[in-house]
Amino acid sequence: TIFSKNAAISQPNHTPQPTFTMSNTGVKTDEKKQHFDDIYVESTPVPYKTRILDALDYVSDDFNRQMFDAHILPWAKAVTAHGSSLSKSAAAAGFNSGNGQELNFVDLCSCFGNTTMATIYGMSYEAIRENWSDETKCRTIQATRRIPVNVTGIDISLPALDYGISAGLYDEAICTNLNERSTAEFEQVERVMADADILLSTAALVYLDLETIDTIIEAFANGGSEKKEGFILVNFLNPFALEKADDTKKILLKYLDFVGSRATRHRRMSEMEQRNYPGEEWSLLELWVLKRRSS
């Protein structure tokens, strides 16, 4: 399903929304890692905030924002220069129009959009928790976009994307199982990747087949008919699926140039995860920034 804030559904012959359960969402994950599938069928991010952001001290978005601000935001501000298509939120923040451009920002496996809030809106972990603290507050994002961007959310959860569109987090959305690569939606994902200026995929690649990752990253790296600058912020979970993380890094380095990295805390482990990894309390995160290779 492909839709936007300006049109409920842009595909006239879309299939009905599937009924997701814990066992049939299609999400693949390390068997030693906690499944949170039931949260992703909720209509708002409040349960996500309560059971993940709160209960597990999901602090990683502070570090995602710091990496974005250090390696991507200065470039994005320079190339946009708050151009003629100045967003309402940027105008409200006091920026003036210039000769820049609007960027295409893609949040891959975006869920309810907390990392878009951290990077594009500059919100802290605590600010996101406060924004999502109840069913009323979560309907409006309590911040403005820091740069003029068109935001596309891509996820398997239709309720999460519906929320993102209705709250104004996403301008466009694609609901699809990315491990099913023969669908019309996946073809659209490839086109969106080629057009993207900034690609975000945080704590998410672990859920995707290596073939899917290769296809998506190659599409982003090629940059469409007119190859342009572009950056990607990704991260890798530890201690989950470490061999797959190494294989994913090889794919990234096959197509893109490395920019920078850092290691941080991600979130506290659930009780099940702590049983599977005795002595471990925190899951960790390795954050990478990469960019398209010049022609």
C-alpha atoms as a PDB file:
ATOM      1  CA  THR A   1       0.000   0.000   0.000  1.00  0.00           C
ATOM      2  CA  ILE A   2       1.339   3.418  -1.021  1.00  0.00           C
ATOM      3  CA  PHE A   3      -0.235   6.583   0.360  1.00  0.00           C
ATOM      4  CA  SER A   4       0.423  10.192   1.294  1.00  0.00           C
ATOM      5  CA  LYS A   5      -0.903  13.007   3.442  1.00  0.00           C
ATOM      6  CA  ASN A   6      -2.634  14.429   0.352  1.00  0.00           C
ATOM      7  CA  ALA A   7      -4.379  11.232  -0.697  1.00  0.00           C
ATOM      8  CA  ALA A   8      -5.554   8.388   1.466  1.00  0.00           C
ATOM      9  CA  ILE A   9      -4.382   5.664  -0.934  1.00  0.00           C
ATOM     10  CA  SER A  10      -2.597   6.381  -4.186  1.00  0.00           C
ATOM     11  CA  GLN A  11      -2.933   2.841  -5.532  1.00  0.00           C
ATOM     12  CA  PRO A  12      -6.544   2.354  -6.629  1.00  0.00           C
ATOM     13  CA  ASN A  13      -6.399  -1.427  -6.491  1.00  0.00           C
ATOM     14  CA  HIS A  14      -4.628  -1.827  -3.195  1.00  0.00           C
ATOM     15  CA  THR A  15      -5.189  -5.024  -1.244  1.00  0.00           C
ATOM     16  CA  PRO A  16      -7.086  -4.932   2.075  1.00  0.00           C
ATOM     17  CA  GLN A  17      -5.075  -4.305   5.203  1.00  0.00           C
ATOM     18  CA  PRO A  18      -3.822  -7.653   6.600  1.00  0.00           C
ATOM     19  CA  THR A  19      -4.732  -8.729  10.088  1.00  0.00           C
ATOM     20  CA  PHE A  20      -1.408  -8.825  11.924  1.00  0.00           C
ATOM     21  CA  THR A  21      -0.772 -11.117  14.879  1.00  0.00           C
ATOM     22  CA  MET A  22       2.365 -12.011  16.802  1.00  0.00           C
ATOM     23  CA  SER A  23       3.031 -14.886  14.402  1.00  0.00           C
ATOM     24  CA  ASN A  24       2.154 -13.515  10.961  1.00  0.00           C
ATOM     25  CA  THR A  25       3.583 -10.035  10.678  1.00  0.00           C
ATOM     26  CA  GLY A  26       6.339 -11.371   8.452  1.00  0.00           C
ATOM     27  CA  VAL A  27       9.015  -9.684  10.569  1.00  0.00           C
ATOM     28  CA  LYS A  28      12.172 -11.770  10.858  1.00  0.00           C
ATOM     29  CA  THR A  29      14.330 -11.450  13.926  1.00  0.00           C
ATOM     30  CA  ASP A  30      17.050 -13.230  15.863  1.00  0.00           C
ATOM     31  CA  GLU A  31      15.423 -15.964  17.962  1.00  0.00           C
ATOM     32  CA  LYS A  32      17.275 -14.675  21.015  1.00  0.00           C
ATOM     33  CA  LYS A  33      15.922 -11.154  20.498  1.00  0.00           C
ATOM     34  CA  GLN A  34      12.639  -9.965  22.001  1.00  0.00           C
ATOM     35  CA  HIS A  35       9.674  -9.740  19.614  1.00  0.00           C
ATOM     36  CA  PHE A  36       7.538  -6.604  19.929  1.00  0.00           C
ATOM     37  CA  ASP A  37       5.133  -7.428  17.084  1.00  0.00           C
ATOM     38  CA  ASP A  38       1.972  -6.772  19.094  1.00  0.00           C
ATOM     39  CA  ILE A  39       2.947  -3.131  19.695  1.00  0.00           C
ATOM     40  CA  TYR A  40       3.196  -2.429  15.975  1.00  0.00           C
ATOM     41  CA  VAL A  41      -0.503  -3.113  15.394  1.00  0.00           C
ATOM     42  CA  GLU A  42      -1.551  -0.363  17.802  1.00  0.00           C
ATOM     43  CA  SER A  43      -3.090   2.761  16.272  1.00  0.00           C
ATOM     44  CA  THR A  44      -0.886   5.210  18.201  1.00  0.00           C
ATOM     45  CA  PRO A  45       2.688   5.145  19.553  1.00  0.00           C
ATOM     46  CA  VAL A  46       1.606   5.395  23.203  1.00  0.00           C
ATOM     47  CA  PRO A  47       2.014   1.635  23.904  1.00  0.00           C
ATOM     48  CA  TYR A  48       5.367   1.742  22.072  1.00  0.00           C
ATOM     49  CA  LYS A  49       6.424   4.614  24.305  1.00  0.00           C
ATOM     50  CA  THR A  50       5.295   2.814  27.480  1.00  0.00           C
ATOM     51  CA  ARG A  51       6.676  -0.654  26.764  1.00  0.00           C
ATOM     52  CA  ILE A  52       9.843   0.231  24.850  1.00  0.00           C
ATOM     53  CA  LEU A  53      10.912   3.854  25.301  1.00  0.00           C
ATOM     54  CA  ASP A  54      10.017   3.893  29.008  1.00  0.00           C
ATOM     55  CA  ALA A  55      10.388   0.315  30.196  1.00  0.00           C
ATOM     56  CA  LEU A  56      13.616  -0.428  28.332  1.00  0.00           C
ATOM     57  CA  ASP A  57      15.284   3.012  28.502  1.00  0.00           C
ATOM     58  CA  TYR A  58      15.400   3.278  24.707  1.00  0.00           C
ATOM     59  CA  VAL A  59      17.952   6.085  24.661  1.00  0.00           C
ATOM     60  CA  SER A  60      19.498   5.415  21.261  1.00  0.00           C
ATOM     61  CA  ASP A  61      17.670   8.210  19.462  1.00  0.00           C
ATOM     62  CA  ASP A  62      19.771  10.764  21.333  1.00  0.00           C
ATOM     63  CA  PHE A  63      22.844   9.197  19.731  1.00  0.00           C
ATOM     64  CA  ASN A  64      21.178   8.920  16.321  1.00  0.00           C
ATOM     65  CA  ARG A  65      20.478  12.647  16.500  1.00  0.00           C
ATOM     66  CA  GLN A  66      24.073  13.396  17.495  1.00  0.00           C
ATOM     67  CA  MET A  67      25.460  11.383  14.552  1.00  0.00           C
ATOM     68  CA  PHE A  68      22.996  13.024  12.180  1.00  0.00           C
ATOM     69  CA  ASP A  69      23.882  16.485  13.480  1.00  0.00           C
ATOM     70  CA  ALA A  70      27.612  15.838  13.199  1.00  0.00           C
ATOM     71  CA  HIS A  71      27.791  14.241   9.753  1.00  0.00           C
ATOM     72  CA  ILE A  72      24.605  14.984   7.785  1.00  0.00           C
ATOM     73  CA  LEU A  73      22.807  18.076   9.077  1.00  0.00           C
ATOM     74  CA  PRO A  74      25.536  20.608   8.127  1.00  0.00           C
ATOM     75  CA  TRP A  75      25.521  19.315   4.533  1.00  0.00           C
ATOM     76  CA  ALA A  76      21.715  19.261   4.448  1.00  0.00           C
ATOM     77  CA  LYS A  77      21.475  22.860   5.666  1.00  0.00           C
ATOM     78  CA  ALA A  78      24.015  23.974   3.093  1.00  0.00           C
ATOM     79  CA  VAL A  79      22.318  22.356   0.097  1.00  0.00           C
ATOM     80  CA  THR A  80      18.779  23.275   1.097  1.00  0.00           C
ATOM     81  CA  ALA A  81      19.564  26.842   2.178  1.00  0.00           C
ATOM     82  CA  HIS A  82      15.834  26.926   2.933  1.00  0.00           C
ATOM     83  CA  GLY A  83      14.893  27.196  -0.711  1.00  0.00           C
ATOM     84  CA  SER A  84      11.794  28.506  -2.455  1.00  0.00           C
ATOM     85  CA  SER A  85       9.854  25.438  -1.269  1.00  0.00           C
ATOM     86  CA  LEU A  86      10.434  26.453   2.334  1.00  0.00           C
ATOM     87  CA  SER A  87       8.418  24.203   4.630  1.00  0.00           C
ATOM     88  CA  LYS A  88       5.835  25.781   6.917  1.00  0.00           C
ATOM     89  CA  SER A  89       7.697  24.430   9.930  1.00  0.00           C
ATOM     90  CA  ALA A  90      10.982  25.992   8.768  1.00  0.00           C
ATOM     91  CA  ALA A  91       9.229  29.305   8.119  1.00  0.00           C
ATOM     92  CA  ALA A  92       7.688  29.147  11.588  1.00  0.00           C
ATOM     93  CA  ALA A  93      11.174  28.621  12.991  1.00  0.00           C
ATOM     94  CA  GLY A  94      12.264  31.905  11.421  1.00  0.00           C
ATOM     95  CA  PHE A  95      14.151  30.728   8.322  1.00  0.00           C
ATOM     96  CA  ASN A  96      13.995  32.704   5.091  1.00  0.00           C
ATOM     97  CA  SER A  97      13.667  31.433   1.544  1.00  0.00           C
ATOM     98  CA  GLY A  98      16.811  31.127  -0.541  1.00  0.00           C
ATOM     99  CA  ASN A  99      18.007  29.359  -3.651  1.00  0.00           C
ATOM    100  CA  GLY A 100      18.254  25.890  -2.154  1.00  0.00           C
ATOM    101  CA  GLN A 101      16.226  22.765  -2.623  1.00  0.00           C
ATOM    102  CA  GLU A 102      13.971  20.397  -0.725  1.00  0.00           C
ATOM    103  CA  LEU A 103      15.575  17.074   0.140  1.00  0.00           C
ATOM    104  CA  ASN A 104      14.051  13.610  -0.010  1.00  0.00           C
ATOM    105  CA  PHE A 105      14.375  11.903   3.371  1.00  0.00           C
ATOM    106  CA  VAL A 106      13.528   8.206   3.705  1.00  0.00           C
ATOM    107  CA  ASP A 107      13.005   6.397   7.018  1.00  0.00           C
ATOM    108  CA  LEU A 108      13.350   2.679   6.237  1.00  0.00           C
ATOM    109  CA  CYS A 109      11.517   0.393   8.685  1.00  0.00           C
ATOM    110  CA  SER A 110      10.273   3.596  10.244  1.00  0.00           C
ATOM    111  CA  CYS A 111       7.611   2.252  12.610  1.00  0.00           C
ATOM    112  CA  PHE A 112       5.914   5.181  14.395  1.00  0.00           C
ATOM    113  CA  GLY A 113       8.696   7.613  13.477  1.00  0.00           C
ATOM    114  CA  ASN A 114      10.655   8.249  16.657  1.00  0.00           C
ATOM    115  CA  THR A 115      13.994   8.467  14.824  1.00  0.00           C
ATOM    116  CA  THR A 116      12.559  10.867  12.244  1.00  0.00           C
ATOM    117  CA  MET A 117      11.499  12.967  15.231  1.00  0.00           C
ATOM    118  CA  ALA A 118      15.063  12.816  16.588  1.00  0.00           C
ATOM    119  CA  THR A 119      16.863  13.633  13.333  1.00  0.00           C
ATOM    120  CA  ILE A 120      14.541  15.864  11.308  1.00  0.00           C
ATOM    121  CA  TYR A 121      12.819  17.558  14.244  1.00  0.00           C
ATOM    122  CA  GLY A 122      15.862  17.541  16.551  1.00  0.00           C
ATOM    123  CA  MET A 123      13.910  16.015  19.437  1.00  0.00           C
ATOM    124  CA  SER A 124      15.579  14.341  22.407  1.00  0.00           C
ATOM    125  CA  TYR A 125      14.625  10.993  23.908  1.00  0.00           C
ATOM    126  CA  GLU A 126      12.841  12.820  26.731  1.00  0.00           C
ATOM    127  CA  ALA A 127      11.018  15.149  24.327  1.00  0.00           C
ATOM    128  CA  ILE A 128       9.777  12.189  22.263  1.00  0.00           C
ATOM    129  CA  ARG A 129       8.561  10.430  25.411  1.00  0.00           C
ATOM    130  CA  GLU A 130       6.682  13.550  26.473  1.00  0.00           C
ATOM    131  CA  ASN A 131       5.169  14.004  22.999  1.00  0.00           C
ATOM    132  CA  TRP A 132       3.931  10.394  23.049  1.00  0.00           C
ATOM    133  CA  SER A 133       2.838  10.398  26.685  1.00  0.00           C
ATOM    134  CA  ASP A 134      -0.887  10.170  25.950  1.00  0.00           C
ATOM    135  CA  GLU A 135      -3.392   9.632  23.154  1.00  0.00           C
ATOM    136  CA  THR A 136      -4.044  13.362  22.727  1.00  0.00           C
ATOM    137  CA  LYS A 137      -0.508  14.728  22.778  1.00  0.00           C
ATOM    138  CA  CYS A 138       0.771  12.161  20.296  1.00  0.00           C
ATOM    139  CA  ARG A 139      -1.567  13.433  17.560  1.00  0.00           C
ATOM    140  CA  THR A 140       0.582  16.549  17.037  1.00  0.00           C
ATOM    141  CA  ILE A 141       4.372  16.692  16.808  1.00  0.00           C
ATOM    142  CA  GLN A 142       5.595  19.219  19.358  1.00  0.00           C
ATOM    143  CA  ALA A 143       8.509  20.450  17.261  1.00  0.00           C
ATOM    144  CA  THR A 144       9.286  21.784  13.779  1.00  0.00           C
ATOM    145  CA  ARG A 145      11.381  20.368  10.974  1.00  0.00           C
ATOM    146  CA  ARG A 146      14.907  21.742  10.986  1.00  0.00           C
ATOM    147  CA  ILE A 147      15.368  21.483   7.216  1.00  0.00           C
ATOM    148  CA  PRO A 148      12.954  21.436   4.258  1.00  0.00           C
ATOM    149  CA  VAL A 149      12.434  17.757   3.443  1.00  0.00           C
ATOM    150  CA  ASN A 150       9.886  15.433   1.950  1.00  0.00           C
ATOM    151  CA  VAL A 151       9.690  12.501   4.378  1.00  0.00           C
ATOM    152  CA  THR A 152       8.803   8.981   3.235  1.00  0.00           C
ATOM    153  CA  GLY A 153       8.173   6.305   5.839  1.00  0.00           C
ATOM    154  CA  ILE A 154       8.525   2.657   4.813  1.00  0.00           C
ATOM    155  CA  ASP A 155       7.358  -0.087   7.137  1.00  0.00           C
ATOM    156  CA  ILE A 156       5.394  -3.333   7.396  1.00  0.00           C
ATOM    157  CA  SER A 157       2.991  -1.807   9.940  1.00  0.00           C
ATOM    158  CA  LEU A 158       0.067   0.008   8.331  1.00  0.00           C
ATOM    159  CA  PRO A 159      -1.203   1.400  11.677  1.00  0.00           C
ATOM    160  CA  ALA A 160       2.226   2.925  12.374  1.00  0.00           C
ATOM    161  CA  LEU A 161       2.347   4.545   8.930  1.00  0.00           C
ATOM    162  CA  ASP A 162      -1.255   5.750   9.242  1.00  0.00           C
ATOM    163  CA  TYR A 163      -0.247   7.435  12.473  1.00  0.00           C
ATOM    164  CA  GLY A 164       2.842   8.996  10.881  1.00  0.00           C
ATOM    165  CA  ILE A 165       0.805  10.436   8.018  1.00  0.00           C
ATOM    166  CA  SER A 166      -1.967  11.758  10.267  1.00  0.00           C
ATOM    167  CA  ALA A 167       0.493  13.356  12.713  1.00  0.00           C
ATOM    168  CA  GLY A 168       2.437  15.010   9.899  1.00  0.00           C
ATOM    169  CA  LEU A 169       5.638  13.041  10.451  1.00  0.00           C
ATOM    170  CA  TYR A 170       5.502  11.469   6.998  1.00  0.00           C
ATOM    171  CA  ASP A 171       4.549  13.125   3.737  1.00  0.00           C
ATOM    172  CA  GLU A 172       4.468   9.794   1.897  1.00  0.00           C
ATOM    173  CA  ALA A 173       4.379   6.194   3.079  1.00  0.00           C
ATOM    174  CA  ILE A 174       4.837   2.723   1.660  1.00  0.00           C
ATOM    175  CA  CYS A 175       3.475  -0.246   3.585  1.00  0.00           C
ATOM    176  CA  THR A 176       5.151  -3.451   2.506  1.00  0.00           C
ATOM    177  CA  ASN A 177       7.056  -6.529   3.632  1.00  0.00           C
ATOM    178  CA  LEU A 178      10.515  -5.658   2.344  1.00  0.00           C
ATOM    179  CA  ASN A 179      11.541  -9.309   2.293  1.00  0.00           C
ATOM    180  CA  GLU A 180       9.000  -9.889  -0.486  1.00  0.00           C
ATOM    181  CA  ARG A 181      10.895  -8.415  -3.414  1.00  0.00           C
ATOM    182  CA  SER A 182       8.491  -9.252  -6.253  1.00  0.00           C
ATOM    183  CA  THR A 183       5.741  -6.794  -5.294  1.00  0.00           C
ATOM    184  CA  ALA A 184       4.770  -3.474  -6.862  1.00  0.00           C
ATOM    185  CA  GLU A 185       5.462  -1.834  -3.510  1.00  0.00           C
ATOM    186  CA  PHE A 186       9.047  -3.099  -3.508  1.00  0.00           C
ATOM    187  CA  GLU A 187       9.558  -1.667  -6.997  1.00  0.00           C
ATOM    188  CA  GLN A 188       8.338   1.663  -5.614  1.00  0.00           C
ATOM    189  CA  VAL A 189      10.776   1.327  -2.707  1.00  0.00           C
ATOM    190  CA  GLU A 190      13.640   0.959  -5.197  1.00  0.00           C
ATOM    191  CA  ARG A 191      12.552   4.136  -7.004  1.00  0.00           C
ATOM    192  CA  VAL A 192      12.264   6.018  -3.717  1.00  0.00           C
ATOM    193  CA  MET A 193      15.760   4.867  -2.735  1.00  0.00           C
ATOM    194  CA  ALA A 194      17.215   6.141  -6.001  1.00  0.00           C
ATOM    195  CA  ASP A 195      15.618   9.550  -5.423  1.00  0.00           C
ATOM    196  CA  ALA A 196      16.556   9.773  -1.740  1.00  0.00           C
ATOM    197  CA  ASP A 197      19.040  12.356  -0.511  1.00  0.00           C
ATOM    198  CA  ILE A 198      19.110  11.012   3.041  1.00  0.00           C
ATOM    199  CA  LEU A 199      18.362   7.418   4.037  1.00  0.00           C
ATOM    200  CA  LEU A 200      17.764   6.472   7.647  1.00  0.00           C
ATOM    201  CA  SER A 201      17.596   2.869   8.863  1.00  0.00           C
ATOM    202  CA  THR A 202      18.149   2.539  12.578  1.00  0.00           C
ATOM    203  CA  ALA A 203      17.999  -0.744  14.520  1.00  0.00           C
ATOM    204  CA  ALA A 204      16.168  -2.169  11.503  1.00  0.00           C
ATOM    205  CA  LEU A 205      18.458  -3.902   9.013  1.00  0.00           C
ATOM    206  CA  VAL A 206      18.595  -6.931  11.316  1.00  0.00           C
ATOM    207  CA  TYR A 207      15.012  -7.676  10.220  1.00  0.00           C
ATOM    208  CA  LEU A 208      15.784  -7.741   6.496  1.00  0.00           C
ATOM    209  CA  ASP A 209      17.163 -10.504   4.276  1.00  0.00           C
ATOM    210  CA  LEU A 210      20.661  -9.848   2.988  1.00  0.00           C
ATOM    211  CA  GLU A 211      19.289  -9.951  -0.581  1.00  0.00           C
ATOM    212  CA  THR A 212      16.819  -7.216   0.337  1.00  0.00           C
ATOM    213  CA  ILE A 213      19.542  -5.104   1.926  1.00  0.00           C
ATOM    214  CA  ASP A 214      21.758  -5.494  -1.138  1.00  0.00           C
ATOM    215  CA  THR A 215      18.963  -4.474  -3.522  1.00  0.00           C
ATOM    216  CA  ILE A 216      17.927  -1.449  -1.459  1.00  0.00           C
ATOM    217  CA  ILE A 217      21.459  -0.182  -0.875  1.00  0.00           C
ATOM    218  CA  GLU A 218      22.389  -0.630  -4.532  1.00  0.00           C
ATOM    219  CA  ALA A 219      19.317   1.382  -5.554  1.00  0.00           C
ATOM    220  CA  PHE A 220      20.265   4.159  -3.130  1.00  0.00           C
ATOM    221  CA  ALA A 221      23.914   4.101  -4.215  1.00  0.00           C
ATOM    222  CA  ASN A 222      23.041   4.421  -7.910  1.00  0.00           C
ATOM    223  CA  GLY A 223      21.130   7.634  -7.181  1.00  0.00           C
ATOM    224  CA  GLY A 224      18.800   7.533 -10.186  1.00  0.00           C
ATOM    225  CA  SER A 225      19.467   8.981 -13.646  1.00  0.00           C
ATOM    226  CA  GLU A 226      21.235  12.033 -12.223  1.00  0.00           C
ATOM    227  CA  LYS A 227      23.544  10.731  -9.545  1.00  0.00           C
ATOM    228  CA  LYS A 228      23.627  13.187  -6.666  1.00  0.00           C
ATOM    229  CA  GLU A 229      25.116  13.492  -3.228  1.00  0.00           C
ATOM    230  CA  GLY A 230      23.422  11.440  -0.565  1.00  0.00           C
ATOM    231  CA  PHE A 231      23.983  10.162   2.953  1.00  0.00           C
ATOM    232  CA  ILE A 232      22.806   7.179   4.959  1.00  0.00           C
ATOM    233  CA  LEU A 233      22.629   6.685   8.720  1.00  0.00           C
ATOM    234  CA  VAL A 234      22.388   3.043   9.771  1.00  0.00           C
ATOM    235  CA  ASN A 235      23.192   1.080  12.862  1.00  0.00           C
ATOM    236  CA  PHE A 236      23.901  -2.437  14.038  1.00  0.00           C
ATOM    237  CA  LEU A 237      22.681  -4.149  17.183  1.00  0.00           C
ATOM    238  CA  ASN A 238      24.902  -6.011  19.614  1.00  0.00           C
ATOM    239  CA  PRO A 239      24.772  -8.835  20.710  1.00  0.00           C
ATOM    240  CA  PHE A 240      22.098  -9.871  18.186  1.00  0.00           C
ATOM    241  CA  ALA A 241      22.860 -11.540  14.823  1.00  0.00           C
ATOM    242  CA  LEU A 242      26.503 -10.487  14.778  1.00  0.00           C
ATOM    243  CA  GLU A 243      27.460 -12.499  11.680  1.00  0.00           C
ATOM    244  CA  LYS A 244      24.596 -10.938   9.744  1.00  0.00           C
ATOM    245  CA  ALA A 245      25.727  -7.492  10.891  1.00  0.00           C
ATOM    246  CA  ASP A 246      29.170  -8.184   9.437  1.00  0.00           C
ATOM    247  CA  ASP A 247      27.632  -9.327   6.155  1.00  0.00           C
ATOM    248  CA  THR A 248      25.517  -6.160   6.083  1.00  0.00           C
ATOM    249  CA  LYS A 249      28.587  -3.981   6.606  1.00  0.00           C
ATOM    250  CA  LYS A 250      30.240  -5.673   3.610  1.00  0.00           C
ATOM    251  CA  ILE A 251      27.200  -4.798   1.474  1.00  0.00           C
ATOM    252  CA  LEU A 252      27.292  -1.173   2.576  1.00  0.00           C
ATOM    253  CA  LEU A 253      31.000  -0.859   1.838  1.00  0.00           C
ATOM    254  CA  LYS A 254      30.529  -2.496  -1.563  1.00  0.00           C
ATOM    255  CA  TYR A 255      28.359   0.403  -2.718  1.00  0.00           C
ATOM    256  CA  LEU A 256      29.090   3.398  -0.453  1.00  0.00           C
ATOM    257  CA  ASP A 257      31.934   5.404   1.062  1.00  0.00           C
ATOM    258  CA  PHE A 258      32.399   5.283   4.819  1.00  0.00           C
ATOM    259  CA  VAL A 259      32.113   8.605   6.684  1.00  0.00           C
ATOM    260  CA  GLY A 260      32.141   7.914  10.412  1.00  0.00           C
ATOM    261  CA  SER A 261      30.989   5.666  13.275  1.00  0.00           C
ATOM    262  CA  ARG A 262      30.539   5.429  17.019  1.00  0.00           C
ATOM    263  CA  ALA A 263      29.365   2.881  19.574  1.00  0.00           C
ATOM    264  CA  THR A 264      26.643   3.655  22.137  1.00  0.00           C
ATOM    265  CA  ARG A 265      23.986   2.158  24.335  1.00  0.00           C
ATOM    266  CA  HIS A 266      20.752   1.207  22.565  1.00  0.00           C
ATOM    267  CA  ARG A 267      18.263   0.067  25.216  1.00  0.00           C
ATOM    268  CA  ARG A 268      18.062  -2.216  28.211  1.00  0.00           C
ATOM    269  CA  MET A 269      17.583  -5.875  27.405  1.00  0.00           C
ATOM    270  CA  SER A 270      14.264  -7.510  28.178  1.00  0.00           C
ATOM    271  CA  GLU A 271      14.123 -10.296  30.741  1.00  0.00           C
ATOM    272  CA  MET A 272      14.017 -12.868  27.934  1.00  0.00           C
ATOM    273  CA  GLU A 273      17.082 -11.359  26.266  1.00  0.00           C
ATOM    274  CA  GLN A 274      18.989 -11.270  29.552  1.00  0.00           C
ATOM    275  CA  ARG A 275      18.280 -14.981  29.983  1.00  0.00           C
ATOM    276  CA  ASN A 276      19.630 -15.608  26.497  1.00  0.00           C
ATOM    277  CA  TYR A 277      22.721 -13.457  27.126  1.00  0.00           C
ATOM    278  CA  PRO A 278      23.683 -14.018  30.784  1.00  0.00           C
ATOM    279  CA  GLY A 279      25.482 -11.105  32.380  1.00  0.00           C
ATOM    280  CA  GLU A 280      24.328  -8.579  29.780  1.00  0.00           C
ATOM    281  CA  GLU A 281      22.013  -5.726  30.807  1.00  0.00           C
ATOM    282  CA  TRP A 282      22.196  -3.378  27.817  1.00  0.00           C
ATOM    283  CA  SER A 283      21.996  -3.976  24.103  1.00  0.00           C
ATOM    284  CA  LEU A 284      24.512  -1.821  22.287  1.00  0.00           C
ATOM    285  CA  LEU A 285      24.503   0.051  19.020  1.00  0.00           C
ATOM    286  CA  GLU A 286      27.150   0.694  16.394  1.00  0.00           C
ATOM    287  CA  LEU A 287      26.191   3.748  14.331  1.00  0.00           C
ATOM    288  CA  TRP A 288      27.548   4.287  10.825  1.00  0.00           C
ATOM    289  CA  VAL A 289      27.249   7.189   8.408  1.00  0.00           C
ATOM    290  CA  LEU A 290      28.066   6.554   4.745  1.00  0.00           C
ATOM    291  CA  LYS A 291      27.659   8.533   1.540  1.00  0.00           C
ATOM    292  CA  ARG A 292      27.202   7.974  -2.171  1.00  0.00           C
ATOM    293  CA  ARG A 293      30.379   7.667  -4.175  1.00  0.00           C
ATOM    294  CA  SER A 294      31.084  10.520  -6.547  1.00  0.00           C
ATOM    295  CA  SER A 295      30.688   9.738 -10.240  1.00  0.00           C
END
